[in-house]
Protein backbone atom coordinates (compact mmCIF):
# COMPACT_ATOMS: atom_id res chain seq x y z
CA UNK A 1 -3.62 1.14 -16.51
CA UNK A 2 -0.58 -0.39 -18.33
CA UNK A 3 1.60 2.94 -17.36
CA UNK A 4 0.74 2.98 -13.82
CA UNK A 5 1.28 -0.73 -12.93
CA UNK A 6 4.69 -0.49 -14.94
CA UNK A 7 5.69 1.92 -12.87
CA UNK A 8 4.75 0.08 -9.86
CA UNK A 9 6.56 -2.45 -10.65
CA UNK A 10 9.31 -0.61 -11.57
CA UNK A 11 9.15 0.75 -8.32
CA UNK A 12 9.16 -2.56 -6.91
CA UNK A 13 12.22 -3.82 -8.54
CA UNK A 14 14.14 -0.50 -7.29
CA UNK A 15 13.28 -1.40 -3.85
CA UNK A 16 14.65 -4.69 -4.10
CA UNK A 17 11.23 -6.56 -3.24
CA UNK A 18 11.38 -8.42 -6.94
CA UNK A 19 14.26 -9.03 -9.23
CA UNK A 20 12.69 -8.41 -12.14
CA UNK A 21 9.74 -6.21 -13.68
CA UNK A 22 7.36 -8.69 -15.63
CA UNK A 23 6.20 -6.35 -17.87
CA UNK A 24 9.15 -5.90 -19.33
CA UNK A 25 8.30 -8.82 -21.61
CA UNK A 26 5.19 -7.64 -22.52
CA UNK A 27 4.66 -4.78 -25.44
CA UNK A 28 3.12 -1.40 -24.61
CA UNK A 29 -0.57 -1.72 -25.86
CA UNK A 30 -1.37 0.72 -28.39
CA UNK A 31 -4.02 3.58 -26.96
CA UNK A 32 -7.29 2.89 -29.18
CA UNK A 33 -9.74 6.00 -28.84
CA UNK A 34 -13.33 4.98 -27.70
CA UNK A 35 -15.53 4.54 -30.56
CA UNK A 36 -18.26 7.33 -30.17
CA UNK A 37 -20.57 9.01 -32.74
CA UNK A 38 -19.78 12.76 -31.18
CA UNK A 39 -22.25 14.09 -33.83
CA UNK A 40 -24.83 12.18 -32.22
CA UNK A 41 -24.19 12.72 -28.25
CA UNK A 42 -23.99 16.21 -29.01
CA UNK A 43 -27.88 16.67 -29.57
CA UNK A 44 -27.96 14.55 -26.47
CA UNK A 45 -25.89 16.86 -24.55
CA UNK A 46 -27.69 19.64 -25.55
CA UNK A 47 -30.78 18.43 -24.06
CA UNK A 48 -29.28 16.91 -21.32
CA UNK A 49 -28.06 20.70 -20.41
CA UNK A 50 -31.04 22.42 -21.28
CA UNK A 51 -32.93 20.08 -18.72
CA UNK A 52 -30.60 21.06 -16.04
CA UNK A 53 -30.57 24.70 -16.68
CA UNK A 54 -34.58 24.13 -16.41
CA UNK A 55 -34.25 22.14 -13.09
CA UNK A 56 -31.84 24.85 -11.69
CA UNK A 57 -29.19 21.97 -11.17
CA UNK A 58 -25.89 23.58 -10.18
CA UNK A 59 -24.17 20.87 -11.94
CA UNK A 60 -25.20 22.87 -15.03
CA UNK A 61 -22.43 25.67 -14.27
CA UNK A 62 -20.53 22.70 -12.63
CA UNK A 63 -19.80 21.01 -15.91
CA UNK A 64 -20.90 24.00 -18.86
CA UNK A 65 -17.38 25.36 -19.58
CA UNK A 66 -16.46 21.62 -20.81
CA UNK A 67 -18.75 22.50 -23.57
CA UNK A 68 -15.91 25.64 -24.48
CA UNK A 69 -13.52 22.98 -25.07
CA UNK A 70 -11.66 22.90 -21.32
CA UNK A 71 -10.46 19.61 -20.33
CA UNK A 72 -11.71 18.58 -16.94
CA UNK A 73 -8.22 19.89 -15.37
CA UNK A 74 -8.27 23.01 -17.06
CA UNK A 75 -11.91 23.37 -15.96
CA UNK A 76 -11.54 22.56 -12.38
CA UNK A 77 -7.76 24.59 -11.80
CA UNK A 78 -10.08 27.60 -13.66
CA UNK A 79 -9.14 30.76 -11.03
CA UNK A 80 -11.39 34.01 -11.20
CA UNK A 81 -7.95 35.78 -11.40
CA UNK A 82 -7.79 34.36 -15.21
CA UNK A 83 -11.40 35.99 -16.01
CA UNK A 84 -12.35 39.24 -17.16
CA UNK A 85 -16.03 39.30 -16.73
CA UNK A 86 -16.64 42.69 -16.96
CA UNK A 87 -16.19 45.30 -20.13
CA UNK A 88 -16.48 45.41 -23.93
CA UNK A 89 -13.74 42.03 -24.07
CA UNK A 90 -15.17 39.59 -21.59
CA UNK A 91 -12.60 36.72 -21.31
CA UNK A 92 -10.87 34.17 -19.46
CA UNK A 93 -7.47 32.51 -19.64
CA UNK A 94 -6.67 29.26 -19.54
CA UNK A 95 -3.50 28.83 -17.99
CA UNK A 96 -3.24 26.28 -15.10
CA UNK A 97 -4.98 22.83 -13.90
CA UNK A 98 -5.59 20.82 -11.15
CA UNK A 99 -3.67 17.78 -10.77
CA UNK A 100 -2.98 15.18 -8.27
CA UNK A 101 0.18 13.97 -7.98
CA UNK A 102 1.29 10.98 -6.04
CA UNK A 103 2.80 11.82 -2.72
CA UNK A 104 1.64 15.46 -2.82
CA UNK A 105 -2.08 15.03 -3.39
CA UNK A 106 -3.92 17.62 -5.49
CA UNK A 107 -1.87 20.61 -6.78
CA UNK A 108 -2.44 23.41 -9.26
CA UNK A 109 -0.35 23.15 -12.01
CA UNK A 110 0.51 26.49 -13.72
CA UNK A 111 0.58 25.21 -16.83
CA UNK A 112 -1.91 23.56 -19.78
CA UNK A 113 -1.58 20.23 -21.25
CA UNK A 114 0.25 22.04 -24.29
CA UNK A 115 2.56 24.03 -22.40
CA UNK A 116 0.87 27.25 -23.64
CA UNK A 117 -2.05 29.49 -21.96
CA UNK A 118 -4.94 30.31 -24.42
CA UNK A 119 -7.38 33.01 -23.97
CA UNK A 120 -10.84 32.39 -24.99
CA UNK A 121 -13.27 35.25 -25.49
CA UNK A 122 -16.34 34.70 -23.15
CA UNK A 123 -20.16 35.15 -24.44
CA UNK A 124 -23.45 33.52 -23.35
CA UNK A 125 -24.17 31.09 -21.38
CA UNK A 126 -20.83 30.57 -20.33
CA UNK A 127 -20.52 34.43 -19.36
CA UNK A 128 -23.55 34.57 -17.27
CA UNK A 129 -22.04 30.50 -15.97
CA UNK A 130 -18.60 32.55 -14.84
CA UNK A 131 -21.08 35.64 -13.27
CA UNK A 132 -23.45 32.96 -11.82
CA UNK A 133 -20.05 31.23 -9.93
CA UNK A 134 -18.92 34.67 -8.44
CA UNK A 135 -22.12 35.00 -7.22
CA UNK A 136 -21.79 31.68 -5.45
CA UNK A 137 -18.12 32.42 -4.08
CA UNK A 138 -20.07 35.99 -2.48
CA UNK A 139 -22.46 33.00 -0.83
CA UNK A 140 -19.79 30.68 0.33
CA UNK A 141 -17.48 33.36 2.35
CA UNK A 142 -20.51 33.61 4.46
CA UNK A 143 -20.09 29.95 5.43
CA UNK A 144 -18.32 29.37 8.68
CA UNK A 145 -17.36 25.65 6.95
CA UNK A 146 -15.91 27.28 4.07
CA UNK A 147 -12.15 27.33 4.57
CA UNK A 148 -10.40 27.01 1.56
CA UNK A 149 -6.23 26.10 1.50
CA UNK A 150 -4.73 29.76 0.00
CA UNK A 151 -3.61 27.70 -2.60
CA UNK A 152 -6.87 26.88 -4.03
CA UNK A 153 -8.79 30.00 -2.85
CA UNK A 154 -8.99 31.57 -5.89
CA UNK A 155 -10.51 28.34 -7.93
CA UNK A 156 -13.81 29.06 -9.44
CA UNK A 157 -15.03 25.89 -8.43
CA UNK A 158 -14.72 24.94 -4.89
CA UNK A 159 -17.04 23.04 -2.42
CA UNK A 160 -18.84 24.58 0.58
CA UNK A 161 -16.36 23.36 2.76
CA UNK A 162 -14.01 24.96 0.72
CA UNK A 163 -11.82 21.99 -1.00
CA UNK A 164 -11.61 21.73 -4.43
CA UNK A 165 -13.23 18.86 -6.46
CA UNK A 166 -11.03 15.65 -6.81
CA UNK A 167 -10.97 14.60 -10.56
CA UNK A 168 -12.75 11.31 -9.66
CA UNK A 169 -14.89 12.77 -7.78
CA UNK A 170 -15.65 15.05 -10.58
CA UNK A 171 -16.28 11.88 -12.75
CA UNK A 172 -18.93 10.53 -10.50
CA UNK A 173 -20.55 14.00 -10.37
CA UNK A 174 -20.98 13.78 -14.50
CA UNK A 175 -22.15 9.95 -14.32
CA UNK A 176 -24.91 10.90 -11.61
CA UNK A 177 -25.72 13.77 -14.63
CA UNK A 178 -26.09 11.14 -17.07
CA UNK A 179 -27.80 8.81 -14.93
CA UNK A 180 -30.19 11.61 -14.48
CA UNK A 181 -30.47 13.57 -17.51
CA UNK A 182 -29.17 11.60 -20.12
CA UNK A 183 -30.73 8.78 -22.38
CA UNK A 184 -30.40 5.22 -20.46
CA UNK A 185 -28.11 2.67 -22.00
CA UNK A 186 -26.21 5.77 -23.64
CA UNK A 187 -22.93 6.31 -21.84
CA UNK A 188 -21.11 9.56 -22.18
CA UNK A 189 -17.50 10.06 -21.16
CA UNK A 190 -16.76 13.43 -19.33
CA UNK A 191 -14.29 14.07 -21.75
CA UNK A 192 -16.76 13.53 -25.13
CA UNK A 193 -18.01 16.97 -23.96
CA UNK A 194 -14.83 18.55 -25.47
CA UNK A 195 -15.09 16.52 -28.84
CA UNK A 196 -18.67 17.63 -28.72
CA UNK A 197 -16.98 21.39 -28.45
CA UNK A 198 -15.35 20.53 -31.91
CA UNK A 199 -18.20 19.69 -33.55
CA UNK A 200 -20.30 22.33 -32.76
CA UNK A 201 -17.73 24.75 -33.66
CA UNK A 202 -17.40 22.78 -37.10
CA UNK A 203 -21.37 22.97 -37.12
CA UNK A 204 -20.87 26.71 -36.47
CA UNK A 205 -18.62 26.83 -39.32
CA UNK A 206 -15.29 28.29 -37.12
CA UNK A 207 -12.59 28.43 -38.97
CA UNK A 208 -9.65 25.83 -38.11
CA UNK A 209 -7.45 28.77 -36.75
CA UNK A 210 -10.03 29.78 -34.28
CA UNK A 211 -11.15 26.58 -33.29
CA UNK A 212 -7.83 25.58 -32.39
CA UNK A 213 -7.48 29.01 -30.15
CA UNK A 214 -10.39 27.88 -28.45
CA UNK A 215 -9.47 23.98 -28.46
CA UNK A 216 -5.96 24.30 -27.79
CA UNK A 217 -3.46 22.48 -29.60
CA UNK A 218 -3.83 19.80 -32.66
CA UNK A 219 -5.86 17.23 -30.27
CA UNK A 220 -8.06 14.47 -30.33
CA UNK A 221 -10.98 17.38 -30.54
CA UNK A 222 -9.83 18.77 -33.28
CA UNK A 223 -9.66 15.51 -34.76
CA UNK A 224 -13.56 15.51 -34.76
CA UNK A 225 -13.62 19.08 -35.76
CA UNK A 226 -11.78 17.75 -38.84
CA UNK A 227 -14.50 14.88 -39.41
CA UNK A 228 -17.39 16.99 -38.98
CA UNK A 229 -16.16 19.68 -41.35
CA UNK A 230 -15.21 16.82 -44.29
CA UNK A 231 -18.60 15.74 -43.33
CA UNK A 232 -20.46 19.09 -43.90
CA UNK A 233 -18.58 19.59 -46.88
C-alpha cells in the first residue's frame, strides 16, 4: 500500500498537482510476513483438495499447481509449450508469469520472479492435472465464444471466453474455495499454498538442492522448508 501510494503521489508532484510528496516525511514501513502455522494449514489444505477432487470441482485443477511451488503469476502464466506430458521424463519449465502493468493491462512476462527459468519433473497428481487441462482446452476450442488473444492463446488456464484469469479474480476464486471447503474461521492466503509446498518437501525428506530447484531461489517459502527440517531434526 505504501509503495503504490508513494508512486501515485510522486506522479502528482511531477504533474505539478501538488508541491511535495508528504510520504517523504514518513519512514518506509518494514514488511512483516503474516503469522501462519503452515504445518497446521498443510493438513487443512490436504483435506480441502481431497474434498474438491471428490466433488469434481474444476477449481481443484485450477489451484493444484500451487502445491508444486508455483507462485500465482507463474501458475496463471504457465503455457502448454512449456510442458512435456508424454514420454519417460514428463516435466514443465517455469519461464513466464502473468502480470498486470499500469497502462497496459495483463501481459505475459517472459521471466520468473528470480529471473531464472526452472524445470520441474512431473509426477501425479500434477501430471494428470495438466493432462486434464489439455482435454479442457480441446473442449474450449469447440466453443464459439472461445476467442483468446493470440498472445494468451497458449496459456494453460483460460476462461471459456478465451480471456486469462486476472490476478485479483484468482484471489476471489481461492477465497471461494476456502469458504466452501476450509475450516470456518481459519483464513488461508493463496500464497500460503507455496509455503505448504516447502513444508511438504521437508516432510518428504527432500534435499535442500532439490527443494530450491522446485521452489526457485532463496525465498520465504524456503524459510518454511528450513524451519520444518530443523523442527524434524
